[in-house]
C-alpha atoms as a PDB file:
ATOM      1  CA  MET A   1     143.543  46.115 139.014  1.00  0.00           C
ATOM      2  CA  SER A   2     143.655  49.697 140.040  1.00  0.00           C
ATOM      3  CA  PHE A   3     145.648  51.844 142.489  1.00  0.00           C
ATOM      4  CA  GLY A   4     146.078  55.490 143.267  1.00  0.00           C
ATOM      5  CA  GLY A   5     146.266  58.119 145.932  1.00  0.00           C
ATOM      6  CA  THR A   6     143.878  60.425 147.713  1.00  0.00           C
ATOM      7  CA  ALA A   7     143.092  63.758 146.158  1.00  0.00           C
ATOM      8  CA  SER A   8     145.175  65.767 148.672  1.00  0.00           C
ATOM      9  CA  ALA A   9     147.443  68.744 148.351  1.00  0.00           C
ATOM     10  CA  ALA A  10     150.510  66.604 148.483  1.00  0.00           C
ATOM     11  CA  PRO A  11     151.483  63.578 146.469  1.00  0.00           C
ATOM     12  CA  VAL A  12     151.000  60.164 148.082  1.00  0.00           C
ATOM     13  CA  PRO A  13     152.700  56.853 147.086  1.00  0.00           C
ATOM     14  CA  PRO A  14     150.688  54.525 144.846  1.00  0.00           C
ATOM     15  CA  GLN A  15     148.711  52.076 146.945  1.00  0.00           C
ATOM     16  CA  VAL A  16     149.733  48.578 145.914  1.00  0.00           C
ATOM     17  CA  SER A  17     148.908  45.595 148.042  1.00  0.00           C
ATOM     18  CA  PRO A  18     151.823  43.320 148.954  1.00  0.00           C
ATOM     19  CA  GLY A  19     152.490  40.151 146.946  1.00  0.00           C
ATOM     20  CA  ALA A  20     151.893  39.525 143.290  1.00  0.00           C
ATOM     21  CA  ASP A  21     151.321  42.416 140.987  1.00  0.00           C
ATOM     22  CA  VAL A  22     149.517  42.457 137.601  1.00  0.00           C
ATOM     23  CA  TYR A  23     151.305  45.515 136.034  1.00  0.00           C
ATOM     24  CA  SER A  24     154.704  45.937 134.453  1.00  0.00           C
ATOM     25  CA  GLY A  25     155.507  49.552 133.771  1.00  0.00           C
ATOM     26  CA  TYR A  26     155.455  52.873 135.615  1.00  0.00           C
ATOM     27  CA  ALA A  27     153.113  54.880 137.861  1.00  0.00           C
ATOM     28  CA  ALA A  28     153.531  58.563 138.539  1.00  0.00           C
ATOM     29  CA  VAL A  29     151.882  60.425 141.400  1.00  0.00           C
ATOM     30  CA  ALA A  30     150.914  64.053 141.734  1.00  0.00           C
ATOM     31  CA  PRO A  31     148.145  66.195 143.448  1.00  0.00           C
ATOM     32  CA  SER A  32     146.315  65.836 140.127  1.00  0.00           C
ATOM     33  CA  PHE A  33     147.009  65.014 136.422  1.00  0.00           C
ATOM     34  CA  ARG A  34     145.242  66.343 133.375  1.00  0.00           C
ATOM     35  CA  THR A  35     146.567  63.956 130.768  1.00  0.00           C
ATOM     36  CA  VAL A  36     148.701  60.817 130.197  1.00  0.00           C
ATOM     37  CA  SER A  37     149.864  59.672 126.691  1.00  0.00           C
ATOM     38  CA  ALA A  38     152.039  56.930 125.193  1.00  0.00           C
ATOM     39  CA  HIS A  39     152.920  55.212 122.017  1.00  0.00           C
ATOM     40  CA  TRP A  40     153.809  51.604 121.554  1.00  0.00           C
ATOM     41  CA  LYS A  41     154.100  48.718 119.059  1.00  0.00           C
ATOM     42  CA  GLN A  42     151.417  46.101 119.491  1.00  0.00           C
ATOM     43  CA  THR A  43     153.116  43.005 120.981  1.00  0.00           C
ATOM     44  CA  ALA A  44     152.759  39.652 119.315  1.00  0.00           C
ATOM     45  CA  VAL A  45     151.203  37.024 121.588  1.00  0.00           C
ATOM     46  CA  THR A  46     151.869  33.308 121.658  1.00  0.00           C
ATOM     47  CA  CYS A  47     149.002  31.460 123.377  1.00  0.00           C
ATOM     48  CA  PRO A  48     149.057  28.154 125.192  1.00  0.00           C
ATOM     49  CA  PRO A  49     147.820  25.415 122.984  1.00  0.00           C
ATOM     50  CA  SER A  50     144.869  24.460 125.140  1.00  0.00           C
ATOM     51  CA  ASP A  51     142.328  26.329 127.223  1.00  0.00           C
ATOM     52  CA  LEU A  52     143.124  23.834 129.961  1.00  0.00           C
ATOM     53  CA  ASP A  53     146.489  25.583 130.452  1.00  0.00           C
ATOM     54  CA  GLY A  54     144.533  28.743 131.246  1.00  0.00           C
ATOM     55  CA  LEU A  55     142.389  26.815 133.724  1.00  0.00           C
ATOM     56  CA  ALA A  56     145.454  25.489 135.437  1.00  0.00           C
ATOM     57  CA  GLY A  57     147.008  28.944 135.453  1.00  0.00           C
ATOM     58  CA  GLY A  58     143.912  30.468 136.985  1.00  0.00           C
ATOM     59  CA  VAL A  59     143.842  27.872 139.711  1.00  0.00           C
ATOM     60  CA  ALA A  60     147.515  28.455 140.500  1.00  0.00           C
ATOM     61  CA  ASN A  61     146.900  32.224 140.589  1.00  0.00           C
ATOM     62  CA  THR A  62     143.945  31.816 143.019  1.00  0.00           C
ATOM     63  CA  VAL A  63     145.851  29.558 145.320  1.00  0.00           C
ATOM     64  CA  MET A  64     149.279  31.176 145.181  1.00  0.00           C
ATOM     65  CA  THR A  65     148.488  34.942 144.966  1.00  0.00           C
ATOM     66  CA  GLY A  66     144.715  35.786 144.530  1.00  0.00           C
ATOM     67  CA  SER A  67     146.037  38.726 142.678  1.00  0.00           C
ATOM     68  CA  SER A  68     143.053  39.140 140.303  1.00  0.00           C
ATOM     69  CA  VAL A  69     140.563  38.676 143.066  1.00  0.00           C
ATOM     70  CA  VAL A  70     142.307  41.194 145.325  1.00  0.00           C
ATOM     71  CA  ARG A  71     143.573  43.711 142.846  1.00  0.00           C
ATOM     72  CA  VAL A  72     141.285  43.858 139.789  1.00  0.00           C
ATOM     73  CA  PRO A  73     138.616  46.476 140.269  1.00  0.00           C
ATOM     74  CA  GLY A  74     135.087  45.242 140.898  1.00  0.00           C
ATOM     75  CA  LEU A  75     135.585  41.585 139.848  1.00  0.00           C
ATOM     76  CA  LEU A  76     134.173  39.949 142.973  1.00  0.00           C
ATOM     77  CA  ALA A  77     130.819  41.486 142.013  1.00  0.00           C
ATOM     78  CA  VAL A  78     131.068  40.241 138.437  1.00  0.00           C
ATOM     79  CA  PRO A  79     131.413  36.378 138.346  1.00  0.00           C
ATOM     80  CA  ASP A  80     131.866  36.179 134.604  1.00  0.00           C
ATOM     81  CA  GLY A  81     134.574  38.911 134.597  1.00  0.00           C
ATOM     82  CA  LEU A  82     136.325  37.200 137.480  1.00  0.00           C
ATOM     83  CA  ALA A  83     136.374  33.857 135.685  1.00  0.00           C
ATOM     84  CA  GLY A  84     137.538  35.344 132.433  1.00  0.00           C
ATOM     85  CA  THR A  85     140.265  37.335 134.202  1.00  0.00           C
ATOM     86  CA  LEU A  86     141.449  34.332 136.145  1.00  0.00           C
ATOM     87  CA  PHE A  87     141.305  31.546 133.570  1.00  0.00           C
ATOM     88  CA  VAL A  88     141.920  33.212 130.178  1.00  0.00           C
ATOM     89  CA  PRO A  89     145.559  34.005 129.431  1.00  0.00           C
ATOM     90  CA  HIS A  90     145.742  37.546 128.232  1.00  0.00           C
ATOM     91  CA  VAL A  91     148.046  40.589 128.067  1.00  0.00           C
ATOM     92  CA  ALA A  92     147.239  44.311 127.617  1.00  0.00           C
ATOM     93  CA  GLN A  93     149.047  47.544 126.965  1.00  0.00           C
ATOM     94  CA  TRP A  94     147.448  50.747 128.100  1.00  0.00           C
ATOM     95  CA  VAL A  95     147.614  54.186 129.646  1.00  0.00           C
ATOM     96  CA  GLY A  96     145.268  55.367 132.476  1.00  0.00           C
ATOM     97  CA  LEU A  97     144.479  57.933 135.128  1.00  0.00           C
ATOM     98  CA  VAL A  98     143.549  56.839 138.686  1.00  0.00           C
ATOM     99  CA  GLY A  99     141.765  58.630 141.492  1.00  0.00           C
ATOM    100  CA  MET A 100     139.813  58.093 144.760  1.00  0.00           C
ATOM    101  CA  ASN A 101     136.045  57.889 144.689  1.00  0.00           C
ATOM    102  CA  GLY A 102     135.542  58.073 148.408  1.00  0.00           C
ATOM    103  CA  PRO A 103     137.954  56.707 151.063  1.00  0.00           C
ATOM    104  CA  THR A 104     138.194  53.109 149.730  1.00  0.00           C
ATOM    105  CA  ASP A 105     137.114  53.011 146.094  1.00  0.00           C
ATOM    106  CA  ARG A 106     140.008  53.577 143.599  1.00  0.00           C
ATOM    107  CA  SER A 107     138.744  54.407 140.070  1.00  0.00           C
ATOM    108  CA  LEU A 108     140.580  53.817 136.853  1.00  0.00           C
ATOM    109  CA  VAL A 109     140.027  55.447 133.531  1.00  0.00           C
ATOM    110  CA  GLN A 110     142.058  53.505 130.810  1.00  0.00           C
ATOM    111  CA  THR A 111     142.438  52.826 127.110  1.00  0.00           C
ATOM    112  CA  GLY A 112     144.743  50.764 124.946  1.00  0.00           C
ATOM    113  CA  THR A 113     144.931  47.290 123.512  1.00  0.00           C
ATOM    114  CA  ALA A 114     144.457  43.733 124.886  1.00  0.00           C
ATOM    115  CA  THR A 115     145.020  40.242 123.532  1.00  0.00           C
ATOM    116  CA  LEU A 116     143.024  37.254 124.835  1.00  0.00           C
ATOM    117  CA  CYS A 117     143.756  33.574 124.136  1.00  0.00           C
ATOM    118  CA  SER A 118     141.157  31.090 123.046  1.00  0.00           C
ATOM    119  CA  ASP A 119     141.976  27.484 121.946  1.00  0.00           C
ATOM    120  CA  GLY A 120     145.568  28.562 121.308  1.00  0.00           C
ATOM    121  CA  VAL A 121     144.630  31.560 119.089  1.00  0.00           C
ATOM    122  CA  PRO A 122     145.355  35.206 120.127  1.00  0.00           C
ATOM    123  CA  HIS A 123     142.506  37.673 119.670  1.00  0.00           C
ATOM    124  CA  TYR A 124     143.787  41.263 119.434  1.00  0.00           C
ATOM    125  CA  THR A 125     141.414  44.021 120.522  1.00  0.00           C
ATOM    126  CA  ALA A 126     141.322  47.639 121.479  1.00  0.00           C
ATOM    127  CA  PHE A 127     139.287  48.969 124.369  1.00  0.00           C
ATOM    128  CA  PHE A 128     137.976  51.844 126.515  1.00  0.00           C
ATOM    129  CA  GLU A 129     137.339  50.960 130.152  1.00  0.00           C
ATOM    130  CA  THR A 130     136.512  52.716 133.472  1.00  0.00           C
ATOM    131  CA  PRO A 131     136.347  50.199 136.257  1.00  0.00           C
ATOM    132  CA  SER A 132     136.620  50.782 139.975  1.00  0.00           C
ATOM    133  CA  PHE A 133     137.048  48.523 142.978  1.00  0.00           C
ATOM    134  CA  ALA A 134     133.394  49.122 143.949  1.00  0.00           C
ATOM    135  CA  ASN A 135     131.996  47.838 140.638  1.00  0.00           C
ATOM    136  CA  GLN A 136     132.543  47.435 136.972  1.00  0.00           C
ATOM    137  CA  SER A 137     129.191  48.886 135.927  1.00  0.00           C
ATOM    138  CA  GLY A 138     130.393  52.352 134.905  1.00  0.00           C
ATOM    139  CA  GLU A 139     131.345  52.557 131.212  1.00  0.00           C
ATOM    140  CA  PRO A 140     132.576  55.317 128.993  1.00  0.00           C
ATOM    141  CA  HIS A 141     130.413  56.467 126.146  1.00  0.00           C
ATOM    142  CA  PRO A 142     132.118  55.807 122.702  1.00  0.00           C
ATOM    143  CA  ASP A 143     131.817  58.543 120.079  1.00  0.00           C
ATOM    144  CA  ALA A 144     129.241  57.884 117.366  1.00  0.00           C
ATOM    145  CA  ASP A 145     131.764  56.587 114.946  1.00  0.00           C
ATOM    146  CA  ALA A 146     133.502  54.252 117.404  1.00  0.00           C
ATOM    147  CA  PRO A 147     132.953  50.498 117.229  1.00  0.00           C
ATOM    148  CA  GLY A 148     132.141  50.178 120.942  1.00  0.00           C
ATOM    149  CA  VAL A 149     134.017  49.754 124.260  1.00  0.00           C
ATOM    150  CA  SER A 150     136.026  46.826 122.966  1.00  0.00           C
ATOM    151  CA  TRP A 151     136.530  45.676 119.459  1.00  0.00           C
ATOM    152  CA  GLU A 152     138.538  43.310 117.074  1.00  0.00           C
ATOM    153  CA  ASN A 153     137.291  45.092 113.937  1.00  0.00           C
ATOM    154  CA  PRO A 154     138.868  47.336 112.780  1.00  0.00           C
ATOM    155  CA  PRO A 155     141.809  45.112 113.530  1.00  0.00           C
ATOM    156  CA  THR A 156     144.931  45.730 115.539  1.00  0.00           C
ATOM    157  CA  LYS A 157     147.858  43.469 114.486  1.00  0.00           C
ATOM    158  CA  PRO A 158     151.252  42.700 115.966  1.00  0.00           C
ATOM    159  CA  GLY A 159     153.773  45.389 115.105  1.00  0.00           C
ATOM    160  CA  ASP A 160     151.188  48.100 114.543  1.00  0.00           C
ATOM    161  CA  ASP A 161     152.026  51.534 115.971  1.00  0.00           C
ATOM    162  CA  MET A 162     149.613  52.589 118.522  1.00  0.00           C
ATOM    163  CA  ALA A 163     148.945  55.802 120.415  1.00  0.00           C
ATOM    164  CA  ALA A 164     146.647  56.408 123.350  1.00  0.00           C
ATOM    165  CA  THR A 165     145.681  59.341 125.680  1.00  0.00           C
ATOM    166  CA  VAL A 166     143.470  59.778 128.708  1.00  0.00           C
ATOM    167  CA  SER A 167     142.724  63.380 129.663  1.00  0.00           C
ATOM    168  CA  TRP A 168     140.680  65.115 132.417  1.00  0.00           C
ATOM    169  CA  ASP A 169     139.169  68.559 132.028  1.00  0.00           C
ATOM    170  CA  GLY A 170     139.690  69.566 135.661  1.00  0.00           C
ATOM    171  CA  ALA A 171     136.009  69.110 136.508  1.00  0.00           C
ATOM    172  CA  ALA A 172     134.008  65.986 135.725  1.00  0.00           C
ATOM    173  CA  THR A 173     134.804  64.877 132.171  1.00  0.00           C
ATOM    174  CA  TYR A 174     137.449  62.472 130.902  1.00  0.00           C
ATOM    175  CA  ARG A 175     138.335  61.879 127.304  1.00  0.00           C
ATOM    176  CA  LEU A 176     139.813  58.642 126.082  1.00  0.00           C
ATOM    177  CA  THR A 177     141.429  58.204 122.605  1.00  0.00           C
ATOM    178  CA  VAL A 178     143.187  55.322 120.992  1.00  0.00           C
ATOM    179  CA  ALA A 179     144.644  55.060 117.426  1.00  0.00           C
ATOM    180  CA  ASP A 180     146.322  52.550 115.262  1.00  0.00           C
ATOM    181  CA  THR A 181     148.431  54.820 113.156  1.00  0.00           C
ATOM    182  CA  THR A 182     149.630  51.906 110.916  1.00  0.00           C
ATOM    183  CA  ARG A 183     146.003  51.097 109.886  1.00  0.00           C
ATOM    184  CA  GLY A 184     144.779  54.606 110.008  1.00  0.00           C
ATOM    185  CA  TRP A 185     141.942  54.403 112.516  1.00  0.00           C
ATOM    186  CA  HIS A 186     141.297  56.643 115.520  1.00  0.00           C
ATOM    187  CA  TYR A 187     138.404  56.485 118.091  1.00  0.00           C
ATOM    188  CA  GLY A 188     137.459  58.289 121.242  1.00  0.00           C
ATOM    189  CA  ALA A 189     135.077  57.981 124.179  1.00  0.00           C
ATOM    190  CA  THR A 190     133.919  60.254 126.980  1.00  0.00           C
ATOM    191  CA  TYR A 191     133.452  59.389 130.692  1.00  0.00           C
ATOM    192  CA  HIS A 192     131.811  61.603 133.389  1.00  0.00           C
ATOM    193  CA  SER A 193     133.080  61.274 136.898  1.00  0.00           C
ATOM    194  CA  GLY A 194     133.976  63.638 139.690  1.00  0.00           C
ATOM    195  CA  VAL A 195     137.064  61.676 140.674  1.00  0.00           C
ATOM    196  CA  ILE A 196     140.265  63.740 140.728  1.00  0.00           C
ATOM    197  CA  PRO A 197     143.145  61.739 139.082  1.00  0.00           C
ATOM    198  CA  THR A 198     146.209  61.580 141.222  1.00  0.00           C
ATOM    199  CA  ALA A 199     148.110  58.824 139.494  1.00  0.00           C
ATOM    200  CA  ALA A 200     149.017  58.310 135.841  1.00  0.00           C
ATOM    201  CA  LEU A 201     150.047  54.875 134.537  1.00  0.00           C
ATOM    202  CA  THR A 202     151.617  53.342 131.498  1.00  0.00           C
ATOM    203  CA  VAL A 203     151.766  49.578 131.672  1.00  0.00           C
ATOM    204  CA  GLY A 204     151.645  46.095 130.312  1.00  0.00           C
ATOM    205  CA  GLU A 205     149.155  43.963 132.313  1.00  0.00           C
ATOM    206  CA  SER A 206     148.655  40.271 132.755  1.00  0.00           C
ATOM    207  CA  ILE A 207     147.724  37.843 135.531  1.00  0.00           C
ATOM    208  CA  PRO A 208     150.523  35.954 137.466  1.00  0.00           C
ATOM    209  CA  TYR A 209     150.640  32.170 136.538  1.00  0.00           C
ATOM    210  CA  ASN A 210     148.636  32.935 133.407  1.00  0.00           C
ATOM    211  CA  VAL A 211     150.963  35.172 131.268  1.00  0.00           C
ATOM    212  CA  PRO A 212     150.956  34.129 127.690  1.00  0.00           C
ATOM    213  CA  GLY A 213     154.128  34.480 125.529  1.00  0.00           C
ATOM    214  CA  PHE A 214     154.626  37.867 123.984  1.00  0.00           C
ATOM    215  CA  THR A 215     157.277  39.877 122.232  1.00  0.00           C
ATOM    216  CA  PRO A 216     158.870  42.754 124.183  1.00  0.00           C
ATOM    217  CA  MET A 217     156.627  45.788 124.607  1.00  0.00           C
ATOM    218  CA  THR A 218     158.328  49.040 123.935  1.00  0.00           C
ATOM    219  CA  PHE A 219     156.563  52.205 125.124  1.00  0.00           C
ATOM    220  CA  THR A 220     157.739  55.662 123.759  1.00  0.00           C
ATOM    221  CA  HIS A 221     156.604  59.231 124.093  1.00  0.00           C
ATOM    222  CA  VAL A 222     155.295  58.488 127.536  1.00  0.00           C
ATOM    223  CA  THR A 223     154.163  61.787 128.986  1.00  0.00           C
ATOM    224  CA  ALA A 224     151.971  63.190 131.806  1.00  0.00           C
ATOM    225  CA  ASP A 225     150.774  66.827 131.517  1.00  0.00           C
ATOM    226  CA  GLY A 226     153.176  67.283 128.621  1.00  0.00           C
ATOM    227  CA  LYS A 227     156.231  66.292 130.589  1.00  0.00           C
ATOM    228  CA  PRO A 228     158.400  63.191 130.159  1.00  0.00           C
ATOM    229  CA  PHE A 229     157.313  60.483 132.649  1.00  0.00           C
ATOM    230  CA  ALA A 230     160.745  60.495 134.235  1.00  0.00           C
ATOM    231  CA  ALA A 231     160.227  63.957 135.457  1.00  0.00           C
ATOM    232  CA  TYR A 232     157.791  62.532 138.071  1.00  0.00           C
ATOM    233  CA  HIS A 233     160.253  59.936 139.368  1.00  0.00           C
ATOM    234  CA  PRO A 234     157.526  57.265 138.923  1.00  0.00           C
ATOM    235  CA  ARG A 235     157.339  54.000 140.706  1.00  0.00           C
ATOM    236  CA  ARG A 236     158.399  50.881 138.747  1.00  0.00           C
ATOM    237  CA  LEU A 237     155.904  47.955 138.751  1.00  0.00           C
ATOM    238  CA  ALA A 238     156.523  44.334 137.719  1.00  0.00           C
ATOM    239  CA  ILE A 239     154.236  41.364 137.085  1.00  0.00           C
ATOM    240  CA  THR A 240     155.267  38.731 139.682  1.00  0.00           C
ATOM    241  CA  PRO A 241     155.477  35.976 138.999  1.00  0.00           C
ATOM    242  CA  PRO A 242     157.132  35.553 136.385  1.00  0.00           C
ATOM    243  CA  GLY A 243     158.979  38.746 137.491  1.00  0.00           C
ATOM    244  CA  LEU A 244     158.513  40.904 134.388  1.00  0.00           C
ATOM    245  CA  VAL A 245     160.470  43.974 135.362  1.00  0.00           C
ATOM    246  CA  PRO A 246     160.486  46.825 132.894  1.00  0.00           C
ATOM    247  CA  THR A 247     163.802  48.329 131.808  1.00  0.00           C
ATOM    248  CA  PRO A 248     164.872  51.612 133.404  1.00  0.00           C
ATOM    249  CA  LEU A 249     162.749  54.634 132.312  1.00  0.00           C
ATOM    250  CA  THR A 250     164.783  56.789 129.945  1.00  0.00           C
ATOM    251  CA  SER A 251     163.119  60.182 129.897  1.00  0.00           C
ATOM    252  CA  ASP A 252     159.876  58.925 128.199  1.00  0.00           C
ATOM    253  CA  SER A 253     160.622  55.287 126.998  1.00  0.00           C
ATOM    254  CA  PHE A 254     160.875  51.846 128.540  1.00  0.00           C
ATOM    255  CA  THR A 255     160.340  48.232 127.511  1.00  0.00           C
ATOM    256  CA  VAL A 256     158.658  45.376 129.178  1.00  0.00           C
ATOM    257  CA  PRO A 257     160.589  42.187 128.417  1.00  0.00           C
ATOM    258  CA  SER A 258     159.148  38.965 127.197  1.00  0.00           C
ATOM    259  CA  PRO A 259     158.272  36.338 129.789  1.00  0.00           C
END
């Protein structure tokens, strides 16, 4: 899912379709952003015991909300990605910058951690990603020492202290960095795009009707262009259903409650 505003001289509200949302957290809007950063503790995920539960949740999501079809960038053009997003219980924690690539295509540059369920087992990963509503073909270029665009090794474990930043140079280059400060690894990637970011996000993400169990997500040091997120009077977002509403933003911190 992605949303954002046009690259105009004045801020515009984030564009979020009515109905179920897949984010819980905060979205700030400005004429442009240079950077967004946050810290968090990796949530511990409890998966449903059977993959059939994910299948049932995906069917319910499709019938009741269609949220992943309508809101997740580019998935209609990627059948495998659509099936995975719909039918695999998962949850992610990330920061991102969003901008418009033409009048209808919202582009998202994001990095963080994600947990996917398989046969009742959570698989903890970290990732770089740059999808848009038009397609999911564009990918960032990981640094030479990075393990790729998504990885389980080196590991990220529940309770680890994470830090992530997405920055834009004001022209056509984005930098994505993510670190597990508990385990001592730090990786980066570069993405080239002429999109001007007009929205900054820090969120937990999951798909309605397919949200696995997880411990509360607490985000701290949430900043955009060096200012506490609260300075931008950001919009609060909630995953609905089950109605995962984040706590009020206190300067630069908030928590996404357990489902």
